[in-house]
């Protein structure tokens, strides 16, 4: 039956399932529990539709893994939210964002850019409409996504090398790297409800998908500039995360550091393989889980709760303590979780010898272990406060965190060949190029 469907219609089917679910959501608007159940069910149907139609799609260089992880992350982010009237809009908006994301990942290049432009406009409107006195409008964040949208429009109307430069700049906003990271920080700290825990995977996945066909064409000067920015971003994100007292900012800067490591590996090898998709998916998913874990604390003790005021959860919330500890181990890059598998795969496939760049990445990695472990230690251990009412995980919260942990474990032990075929040689990991050909001359110097 799948073979009877025109391949050009499949991206529209994948995007149409969550969009139709969002359109029908007002039927359950007065009943938050039913609306939550409906939204999670739509994500499950979207995941099933991806599984059905993925074989008929042309696999991009980074493989199809991210196409499967998007509906999974959307459903998990919904499950981890409290059933409150104030969160209904964010549930429906999650389905809209999922629709645009699936359309961008599954479509042909021109149509995918239209989906990306729509996503930028979607986020700009959300950031403008959902600011609060506690979190005023971040004009830098709005400006970053506006610049990204303009760059995508430019790729549709301009010729190389201008269109290639604009495409690369748009990638630096979706897959954050210094100094174009303000949009990423703003999205993870200012968007309402469960949207930050979904966007932390959605945007980097779209950025890698856009970067994958561009990476082999990067000329040497651009590779040098981007590698320097990537190393600077890895250290900058780690240092800023060490200095944060707000958990969401800590996780935002931590993810910036991780994604900067990915940038260095991609630009130095001039290729984005399924290993890169595995790393992006694992980092995005572990940050999704940590944001959900912090949302559970915010639900119980208020949105402006100070993490230093909460302690002793290991004995009072044992289920939460176990799952948070596992998420921390995954975020620290320890085996057998997906972050470790992705990062080791990127380093082992890199053509760069032991160099200053690898030393910088390892230092940033060690710093991430420090601030993630410090955050978890402050929450789980210490004195139990008698003035706090402790309540362990609700069933939906428990299921959400278990799904994240099991998925990270599966990503860490699953053979990379199941995620797609690397466009690299088995011995050196170098993308094959015709002898004497400068990759940058293919597009940038046309």
Protein backbone atom coordinates (compact mmCIF):
# COMPACT_ATOMS: atom_id res chain seq x y z
CA UNK A 1 0.00 0.00 0.00
CA UNK A 2 2.87 2.36 0.77
CA UNK A 3 4.37 1.69 -2.66
CA UNK A 4 1.13 2.89 -4.25
CA UNK A 5 1.51 6.36 -2.72
CA UNK A 6 3.41 9.00 -4.65
CA UNK A 7 6.72 9.64 -2.86
CA UNK A 8 6.19 13.40 -3.15
CA UNK A 9 3.06 13.10 -1.00
CA UNK A 10 4.75 11.31 1.90
CA UNK A 11 6.27 14.46 3.50
CA UNK A 12 2.85 16.10 3.39
CA UNK A 13 1.27 13.04 5.01
CA UNK A 14 3.87 13.04 7.79
CA UNK A 15 3.36 16.77 8.37
CA UNK A 16 -0.40 16.49 8.03
CA UNK A 17 -0.94 13.97 10.84
CA UNK A 18 0.10 16.25 13.75
CA UNK A 19 -1.34 19.30 12.00
CA UNK A 20 -4.72 17.58 11.74
CA UNK A 21 -4.41 16.59 15.38
CA UNK A 22 -3.78 20.23 16.31
CA UNK A 23 -6.77 21.35 14.23
CA UNK A 24 -9.07 18.89 16.05
CA UNK A 25 -7.73 19.71 19.51
CA UNK A 26 -10.36 22.40 20.32
CA UNK A 27 -12.94 19.59 20.61
CA UNK A 28 -11.28 18.69 23.96
CA UNK A 29 -10.35 22.21 25.01
CA UNK A 30 -12.62 22.24 28.05
CA UNK A 31 -11.15 18.96 29.36
CA UNK A 32 -7.38 19.22 29.96
CA UNK A 33 -6.95 15.49 30.71
CA UNK A 34 -8.62 14.51 27.46
CA UNK A 35 -6.68 17.13 25.52
CA UNK A 36 -3.41 15.80 26.95
CA UNK A 37 -4.39 12.23 26.06
CA UNK A 38 -5.35 13.33 22.56
CA UNK A 39 -2.08 15.22 22.03
CA UNK A 40 0.07 12.31 23.19
CA UNK A 41 -1.98 9.96 21.00
CA UNK A 42 -1.37 12.20 17.97
CA UNK A 43 2.39 12.02 18.64
CA UNK A 44 2.15 8.23 18.81
CA UNK A 45 0.30 8.13 15.49
CA UNK A 46 2.94 10.45 14.00
CA UNK A 47 5.69 8.09 15.16
CA UNK A 48 3.82 5.14 13.63
CA UNK A 49 3.39 7.02 10.34
CA UNK A 50 7.13 7.74 10.24
CA UNK A 51 7.83 4.04 10.77
CA UNK A 52 5.45 3.13 7.94
CA UNK A 53 6.65 5.65 5.36
CA UNK A 54 10.36 6.00 6.25
CA UNK A 55 11.36 3.22 3.87
CA UNK A 56 9.89 5.13 0.93
CA UNK A 57 11.90 8.27 1.68
CA UNK A 58 15.32 9.07 0.25
CA UNK A 59 17.65 8.95 3.22
CA UNK A 60 19.65 12.20 3.73
CA UNK A 61 23.39 12.03 4.54
CA UNK A 62 22.69 11.98 8.28
CA UNK A 63 20.13 9.17 8.01
CA UNK A 64 16.54 9.01 9.22
CA UNK A 65 17.10 8.70 12.97
CA UNK A 66 16.05 12.28 13.73
CA UNK A 67 12.78 11.76 11.86
CA UNK A 68 11.89 9.05 14.40
CA UNK A 69 13.07 11.01 17.43
CA UNK A 70 10.97 14.12 16.79
CA UNK A 71 7.52 12.60 17.49
CA UNK A 72 9.01 10.64 20.39
CA UNK A 73 10.41 13.82 21.97
CA UNK A 74 7.15 15.68 21.37
CA UNK A 75 5.13 12.96 23.11
CA UNK A 76 7.56 12.77 26.03
CA UNK A 77 7.53 16.54 26.51
CA UNK A 78 3.74 16.44 26.66
CA UNK A 79 3.62 13.56 29.15
CA UNK A 80 5.91 15.37 31.57
CA UNK A 81 3.64 18.41 31.88
CA UNK A 82 0.96 18.89 34.55
CA UNK A 83 -2.67 18.70 33.39
CA UNK A 84 -3.35 22.39 33.87
CA UNK A 85 -5.55 24.80 31.94
CA UNK A 86 -2.62 27.19 31.42
CA UNK A 87 -0.67 24.55 29.45
CA UNK A 88 -3.33 23.71 26.88
CA UNK A 89 -2.07 26.16 24.27
CA UNK A 90 1.50 24.83 24.50
CA UNK A 91 0.22 21.27 23.90
CA UNK A 92 -1.47 22.28 20.66
CA UNK A 93 1.52 24.41 19.62
CA UNK A 94 3.76 21.38 20.16
CA UNK A 95 1.74 19.50 17.55
CA UNK A 96 2.08 22.42 15.14
CA UNK A 97 5.85 22.55 15.68
CA UNK A 98 6.06 18.78 15.20
CA UNK A 99 4.17 19.10 11.91
CA UNK A 100 6.56 21.75 10.60
CA UNK A 101 9.60 19.80 11.80
CA UNK A 102 8.56 16.55 10.13
CA UNK A 103 7.80 18.42 6.93
CA UNK A 104 11.23 20.05 6.95
CA UNK A 105 13.08 16.77 7.55
CA UNK A 106 11.14 14.70 5.00
CA UNK A 107 10.74 17.18 2.12
CA UNK A 108 12.93 18.05 -0.83
CA UNK A 109 15.34 21.00 -0.34
CA UNK A 110 13.15 23.83 -1.64
CA UNK A 111 10.04 22.69 0.21
CA UNK A 112 12.11 22.02 3.34
CA UNK A 113 13.30 25.63 3.32
CA UNK A 114 9.69 26.81 3.20
CA UNK A 115 8.94 24.68 6.25
CA UNK A 116 12.00 26.14 8.00
CA UNK A 117 10.87 29.70 7.23
CA UNK A 118 7.47 28.83 8.71
CA UNK A 119 9.15 27.45 11.86
CA UNK A 120 11.15 30.66 12.30
CA UNK A 121 8.00 32.75 11.96
CA UNK A 122 6.21 30.44 14.39
CA UNK A 123 8.90 30.90 17.05
CA UNK A 124 9.14 34.66 16.53
CA UNK A 125 5.40 35.05 17.17
CA UNK A 126 5.56 32.80 20.25
CA UNK A 127 8.50 34.68 21.77
CA UNK A 128 6.81 38.01 21.20
CA UNK A 129 3.43 36.98 22.62
CA UNK A 130 4.53 34.94 25.64
CA UNK A 131 6.95 37.27 27.40
CA UNK A 132 6.35 37.98 31.09
CA UNK A 133 7.65 40.57 33.58
CA UNK A 134 9.98 37.87 34.93
CA UNK A 135 11.17 37.07 31.40
CA UNK A 136 10.93 40.24 29.26
CA UNK A 137 11.29 40.19 25.51
CA UNK A 138 14.75 39.11 24.38
CA UNK A 139 15.36 41.23 21.33
CA UNK A 140 18.59 39.37 20.64
CA UNK A 141 16.69 36.10 20.47
CA UNK A 142 14.01 37.56 18.22
CA UNK A 143 16.69 39.09 16.06
CA UNK A 144 18.48 35.76 15.70
CA UNK A 145 15.41 33.96 14.40
CA UNK A 146 14.51 36.92 12.16
CA UNK A 147 18.01 36.78 10.69
CA UNK A 148 17.62 33.03 10.19
CA UNK A 149 14.36 33.51 8.30
CA UNK A 150 15.90 36.19 6.08
CA UNK A 151 18.86 33.93 5.33
CA UNK A 152 16.54 31.11 4.30
CA UNK A 153 14.65 33.46 1.97
CA UNK A 154 17.98 34.54 0.51
CA UNK A 155 18.91 30.92 -0.24
CA UNK A 156 15.79 30.67 -2.41
CA UNK A 157 16.44 33.79 -4.49
CA UNK A 158 20.23 34.27 -4.57
CA UNK A 159 22.96 32.42 -6.43
CA UNK A 160 26.18 30.93 -4.96
CA UNK A 161 28.29 31.89 -3.14
CA UNK A 162 25.79 34.25 -1.47
CA UNK A 163 23.13 31.56 -1.08
CA UNK A 164 25.69 29.16 0.41
CA UNK A 165 26.82 31.74 2.95
CA UNK A 166 23.20 32.47 3.87
CA UNK A 167 22.45 28.76 4.27
CA UNK A 168 25.44 28.30 6.58
CA UNK A 169 24.39 31.29 8.68
CA UNK A 170 20.88 29.86 9.01
CA UNK A 171 22.42 26.59 10.23
CA UNK A 172 24.40 28.39 12.96
CA UNK A 173 21.12 29.70 14.41
CA UNK A 174 19.25 26.40 14.37
CA UNK A 175 22.25 24.32 15.46
CA UNK A 176 23.68 26.92 17.84
CA UNK A 177 27.25 28.11 17.81
CA UNK A 178 28.85 31.29 19.16
CA UNK A 179 28.05 34.14 18.42
CA UNK A 180 24.68 33.14 16.91
CA UNK A 181 23.37 31.31 19.98
CA UNK A 182 20.97 33.87 21.46
CA UNK A 183 17.99 32.36 19.70
CA UNK A 184 18.73 28.96 21.23
CA UNK A 185 19.06 30.40 24.74
CA UNK A 186 15.87 32.41 24.34
CA UNK A 187 13.84 29.46 23.08
CA UNK A 188 14.86 27.25 26.01
CA UNK A 189 14.15 29.90 28.65
CA UNK A 190 11.22 31.98 27.32
CA UNK A 191 8.89 29.63 25.44
CA UNK A 192 5.80 28.52 27.41
CA UNK A 193 4.88 25.12 28.83
CA UNK A 194 6.57 22.06 27.43
CA UNK A 195 7.86 23.75 24.27
CA UNK A 196 11.47 24.22 25.52
CA UNK A 197 11.83 20.49 26.21
CA UNK A 198 10.79 19.78 22.61
CA UNK A 199 12.62 22.65 20.92
CA UNK A 200 15.95 21.54 22.42
CA UNK A 201 15.83 18.62 19.99
CA UNK A 202 13.76 20.09 17.16
CA UNK A 203 15.96 23.05 16.23
CA UNK A 204 19.36 21.27 16.34
CA UNK A 205 17.90 18.38 14.33
CA UNK A 206 16.73 20.80 11.64
CA UNK A 207 20.08 22.59 11.75
CA UNK A 208 22.03 19.37 11.19
CA UNK A 209 19.69 18.36 8.38
CA UNK A 210 20.32 21.69 6.65
CA UNK A 211 24.07 21.50 7.29
CA UNK A 212 24.55 17.94 5.99
CA UNK A 213 24.44 18.72 2.23
CA UNK A 214 26.39 21.94 2.78
CA UNK A 215 29.28 20.47 4.78
CA UNK A 216 31.17 18.84 1.84
CA UNK A 217 31.21 22.16 -0.04
CA UNK A 218 32.82 24.27 2.69
CA UNK A 219 36.02 25.98 1.49
CA UNK A 220 39.12 25.96 3.66
CA UNK A 221 38.79 29.54 5.02
CA UNK A 222 35.20 28.85 6.13
CA UNK A 223 36.26 25.57 7.75
CA UNK A 224 38.94 27.40 9.70
CA UNK A 225 36.57 30.14 10.89
CA UNK A 226 33.81 27.69 11.87
CA UNK A 227 36.23 25.39 13.69
CA UNK A 228 37.51 28.34 15.75
CA UNK A 229 33.94 29.42 16.54
CA UNK A 230 33.05 25.85 17.48
CA UNK A 231 35.94 25.53 19.92
CA UNK A 232 35.14 28.95 21.37
CA UNK A 233 31.51 27.93 21.76
CA UNK A 234 32.39 24.67 23.50
CA UNK A 235 34.48 26.48 26.13
CA UNK A 236 32.15 29.49 26.41
CA UNK A 237 29.09 27.29 26.93
CA UNK A 238 30.86 25.21 29.58
CA UNK A 239 32.09 28.27 31.50
CA UNK A 240 28.68 29.96 31.38
CA UNK A 241 26.99 26.76 32.54
CA UNK A 242 29.35 26.56 35.52
CA UNK A 243 28.34 30.08 36.56
CA UNK A 244 24.53 29.63 36.30
CA UNK A 245 22.13 29.45 39.20
CA UNK A 246 19.00 29.01 37.04
CA UNK A 247 18.61 25.44 35.86
CA UNK A 248 17.14 26.16 32.43
CA UNK A 249 19.97 28.57 31.63
CA UNK A 250 22.48 25.99 32.83
CA UNK A 251 20.99 23.39 30.49
CA UNK A 252 20.80 25.90 27.63
CA UNK A 253 24.50 26.74 27.89
CA UNK A 254 25.36 23.09 28.40
CA UNK A 255 23.59 22.13 25.17
CA UNK A 256 25.39 25.02 23.41
CA UNK A 257 28.70 23.49 24.50
CA UNK A 258 27.70 20.03 23.25
CA UNK A 259 26.43 21.27 19.89
CA UNK A 260 29.61 23.33 19.44
CA UNK A 261 31.57 20.08 19.77
CA UNK A 262 29.46 18.67 16.95
CA UNK A 263 30.20 21.70 14.78
CA UNK A 264 33.95 21.15 15.17
CA UNK A 265 33.68 17.50 14.16
CA UNK A 266 31.43 18.21 11.17
CA UNK A 267 33.42 21.11 9.70
CA UNK A 268 36.82 19.49 10.18
CA UNK A 269 35.67 16.32 8.39
CA UNK A 270 33.37 18.17 5.97
CA UNK A 271 30.70 15.53 6.44
CA UNK A 272 27.58 14.97 8.56
CA UNK A 273 27.02 11.24 8.96
CA UNK A 274 24.53 9.18 11.01
CA UNK A 275 27.05 9.46 13.86
CA UNK A 276 26.37 13.20 13.92
CA UNK A 277 22.62 12.55 13.94
CA UNK A 278 23.08 10.10 16.80
CA UNK A 279 24.96 12.73 18.79
CA UNK A 280 22.39 15.46 18.10
CA UNK A 281 19.51 13.13 18.90
CA UNK A 282 21.08 11.87 22.12
CA UNK A 283 22.08 15.34 23.38
CA UNK A 284 18.69 16.80 22.48
CA UNK A 285 16.88 13.92 24.17
CA UNK A 286 18.94 14.02 27.37
CA UNK A 287 18.41 17.78 27.62
CA UNK A 288 14.71 17.16 27.04
CA UNK A 289 14.72 14.72 29.95
CA UNK A 290 16.60 17.11 32.25
CA UNK A 291 14.23 19.97 31.39
CA UNK A 292 11.31 17.68 32.16
CA UNK A 293 12.92 16.68 35.47
CA UNK A 294 13.29 20.34 36.42
CA UNK A 295 9.73 21.06 35.30
CA UNK A 296 8.58 18.45 37.84
CA UNK A 297 10.29 20.46 40.60
CA UNK A 298 8.79 23.70 39.30
CA UNK A 299 5.33 22.12 39.29
CA UNK A 300 5.65 21.29 42.99
CA UNK A 301 7.45 24.36 44.31
CA UNK A 302 6.76 27.21 41.85
CA UNK A 303 8.21 28.60 38.63
CA UNK A 304 10.77 30.81 40.38
CA UNK A 305 12.07 28.15 42.77
CA UNK A 306 15.75 28.37 43.65
CA UNK A 307 17.49 24.99 43.08
CA UNK A 308 19.70 25.68 46.09
CA UNK A 309 16.58 25.72 48.27
CA UNK A 310 15.60 22.15 47.30
CA UNK A 311 17.51 19.21 48.76
CA UNK A 312 17.07 15.74 50.19
CA UNK A 313 15.09 14.32 47.27
CA UNK A 314 16.99 11.00 47.25
CA UNK A 315 15.12 9.77 50.33
CA UNK A 316 11.82 11.58 49.80
CA UNK A 317 11.35 11.07 46.03
CA UNK A 318 13.18 7.80 45.26
CA UNK A 319 11.71 7.25 41.77
CA UNK A 320 12.63 10.78 40.77
CA UNK A 321 16.10 10.38 42.27
CA UNK A 322 16.87 7.20 40.32
CA UNK A 323 15.72 8.56 36.96
CA UNK A 324 17.42 11.93 37.46
CA UNK A 325 20.66 10.13 38.32
CA UNK A 326 20.44 8.07 35.13
CA UNK A 327 19.79 11.19 33.06
CA UNK A 328 22.80 12.85 34.68
CA UNK A 329 25.01 9.88 33.83
CA UNK A 330 23.79 10.07 30.22
CA UNK A 331 24.41 13.85 30.07
CA UNK A 332 27.91 13.38 31.48
CA UNK A 333 28.72 11.18 28.49
CA UNK A 334 29.14 7.88 30.28
CA UNK A 335 28.49 4.54 28.58
CA UNK A 336 26.25 2.82 27.64
CA UNK A 337 24.07 5.85 26.80
CA UNK A 338 23.68 7.51 23.41
CA UNK A 339 25.67 10.68 24.14
CA UNK A 340 28.81 8.62 24.74
CA UNK A 341 28.25 6.51 21.62
CA UNK A 342 27.66 9.58 19.47
CA UNK A 343 30.64 11.54 20.74
CA UNK A 344 33.06 8.62 20.52
CA UNK A 345 31.79 7.86 17.03
CA UNK A 346 32.46 11.43 15.93
CA UNK A 347 35.97 11.50 17.40
CA UNK A 348 36.95 8.09 16.02
CA UNK A 349 35.71 8.99 12.53
CA UNK A 350 37.49 12.36 12.57
CA UNK A 351 40.55 12.80 10.37
CA UNK A 352 42.10 15.26 12.81
CA UNK A 353 45.08 13.95 14.71
CA UNK A 354 45.55 14.59 18.43
CA UNK A 355 45.43 18.36 18.43
CA UNK A 356 44.51 21.46 20.39
CA UNK A 357 40.93 21.10 19.15
CA UNK A 358 40.50 17.66 20.69
CA UNK A 359 42.04 18.88 23.96
CA UNK A 360 39.50 21.72 24.05
CA UNK A 361 36.62 19.32 23.43
CA UNK A 362 37.77 17.00 26.20
CA UNK A 363 38.08 19.93 28.63
CA UNK A 364 34.55 21.08 27.77
CA UNK A 365 33.36 17.50 28.24
CA UNK A 366 34.95 17.28 31.69
CA UNK A 367 33.38 20.61 32.64
CA UNK A 368 29.95 19.27 31.67
CA UNK A 369 30.48 16.35 34.01
CA UNK A 370 31.20 18.78 36.81
CA UNK A 371 28.18 21.09 36.53
CA UNK A 372 25.68 18.31 35.76
CA UNK A 373 26.90 16.28 38.72
CA UNK A 374 26.84 19.36 40.96
CA UNK A 375 23.23 20.13 39.98
CA UNK A 376 22.06 16.59 40.69
CA UNK A 377 23.98 16.39 43.96
CA UNK A 378 22.38 19.60 45.24
CA UNK A 379 18.88 18.32 44.47
CA UNK A 380 19.17 14.75 45.66
CA UNK A 381 21.36 15.03 48.73
CA UNK A 382 21.62 17.32 51.69
CA UNK A 383 19.22 18.08 54.51
CA UNK A 384 15.58 17.18 54.16
CA UNK A 385 13.52 20.29 54.78
CA UNK A 386 10.55 19.84 57.09
CA UNK A 387 8.73 22.83 55.63
CA UNK A 388 8.53 21.31 52.12
CA UNK A 389 5.86 18.90 50.97
CA UNK A 390 7.55 16.10 49.04
CA UNK A 391 5.62 14.12 46.43
CA UNK A 392 7.20 11.55 44.12
CA UNK A 393 6.50 11.18 40.41
CA UNK A 394 3.00 11.00 39.01
CA UNK A 395 2.34 8.16 36.59
CA UNK A 396 2.63 10.33 33.46
CA UNK A 397 5.86 11.92 34.71
CA UNK A 398 7.30 8.51 35.54
CA UNK A 399 6.45 7.14 32.09
CA UNK A 400 7.95 10.20 30.35
CA UNK A 401 11.31 9.95 32.14
CA UNK A 402 11.47 6.16 31.71
CA UNK A 403 10.93 6.54 27.95
CA UNK A 404 13.76 9.08 27.75
CA UNK A 405 16.18 6.87 29.72
CA UNK A 406 15.33 3.72 27.74
CA UNK A 407 15.67 5.56 24.42
CA UNK A 408 19.08 6.94 25.41
CA UNK A 409 20.13 3.44 26.39
CA UNK A 410 18.89 2.04 23.07
CA UNK A 411 20.78 4.74 21.15
CA UNK A 412 23.95 3.80 23.00
CA UNK A 413 23.86 0.06 22.27
CA UNK A 414 22.26 -0.02 18.82
CA UNK A 415 24.75 -0.51 15.94
CA UNK A 416 25.29 2.68 13.97
CA UNK A 417 24.56 0.82 10.72
CA UNK A 418 20.87 0.72 11.66
CA UNK A 419 20.72 4.53 11.65
CA UNK A 420 22.03 4.87 8.08
CA UNK A 421 25.15 4.27 6.03
CA UNK A 422 28.11 6.54 6.67
CA UNK A 423 29.40 8.32 3.58
CA UNK A 424 32.93 7.71 4.80
CA UNK A 425 35.55 5.11 4.15
CA UNK A 426 35.91 2.30 6.66
CA UNK A 427 39.56 2.94 7.37
CA UNK A 428 40.01 6.67 7.60
CA UNK A 429 36.52 8.07 7.91
CA UNK A 430 37.23 10.60 5.12
CA UNK A 431 34.49 11.58 2.73
CA UNK A 432 35.57 10.44 -0.70
CA UNK A 433 36.42 13.25 -3.10
CA UNK A 434 37.86 13.19 -6.61
CA UNK A 435 41.61 13.53 -6.57
CA UNK A 436 42.78 17.13 -6.60
CA UNK A 437 39.31 18.54 -6.00
CA UNK A 438 38.70 21.25 -3.44
CA UNK A 439 35.23 20.62 -1.95
CA UNK A 440 34.66 24.31 -1.58
CA UNK A 441 34.85 24.85 -5.32
CA UNK A 442 31.67 22.84 -5.90
CA UNK A 443 29.29 25.50 -4.60
CA UNK A 444 30.97 28.44 -2.91
CA UNK A 445 33.14 29.46 -5.85
CA UNK A 446 30.65 28.81 -8.61
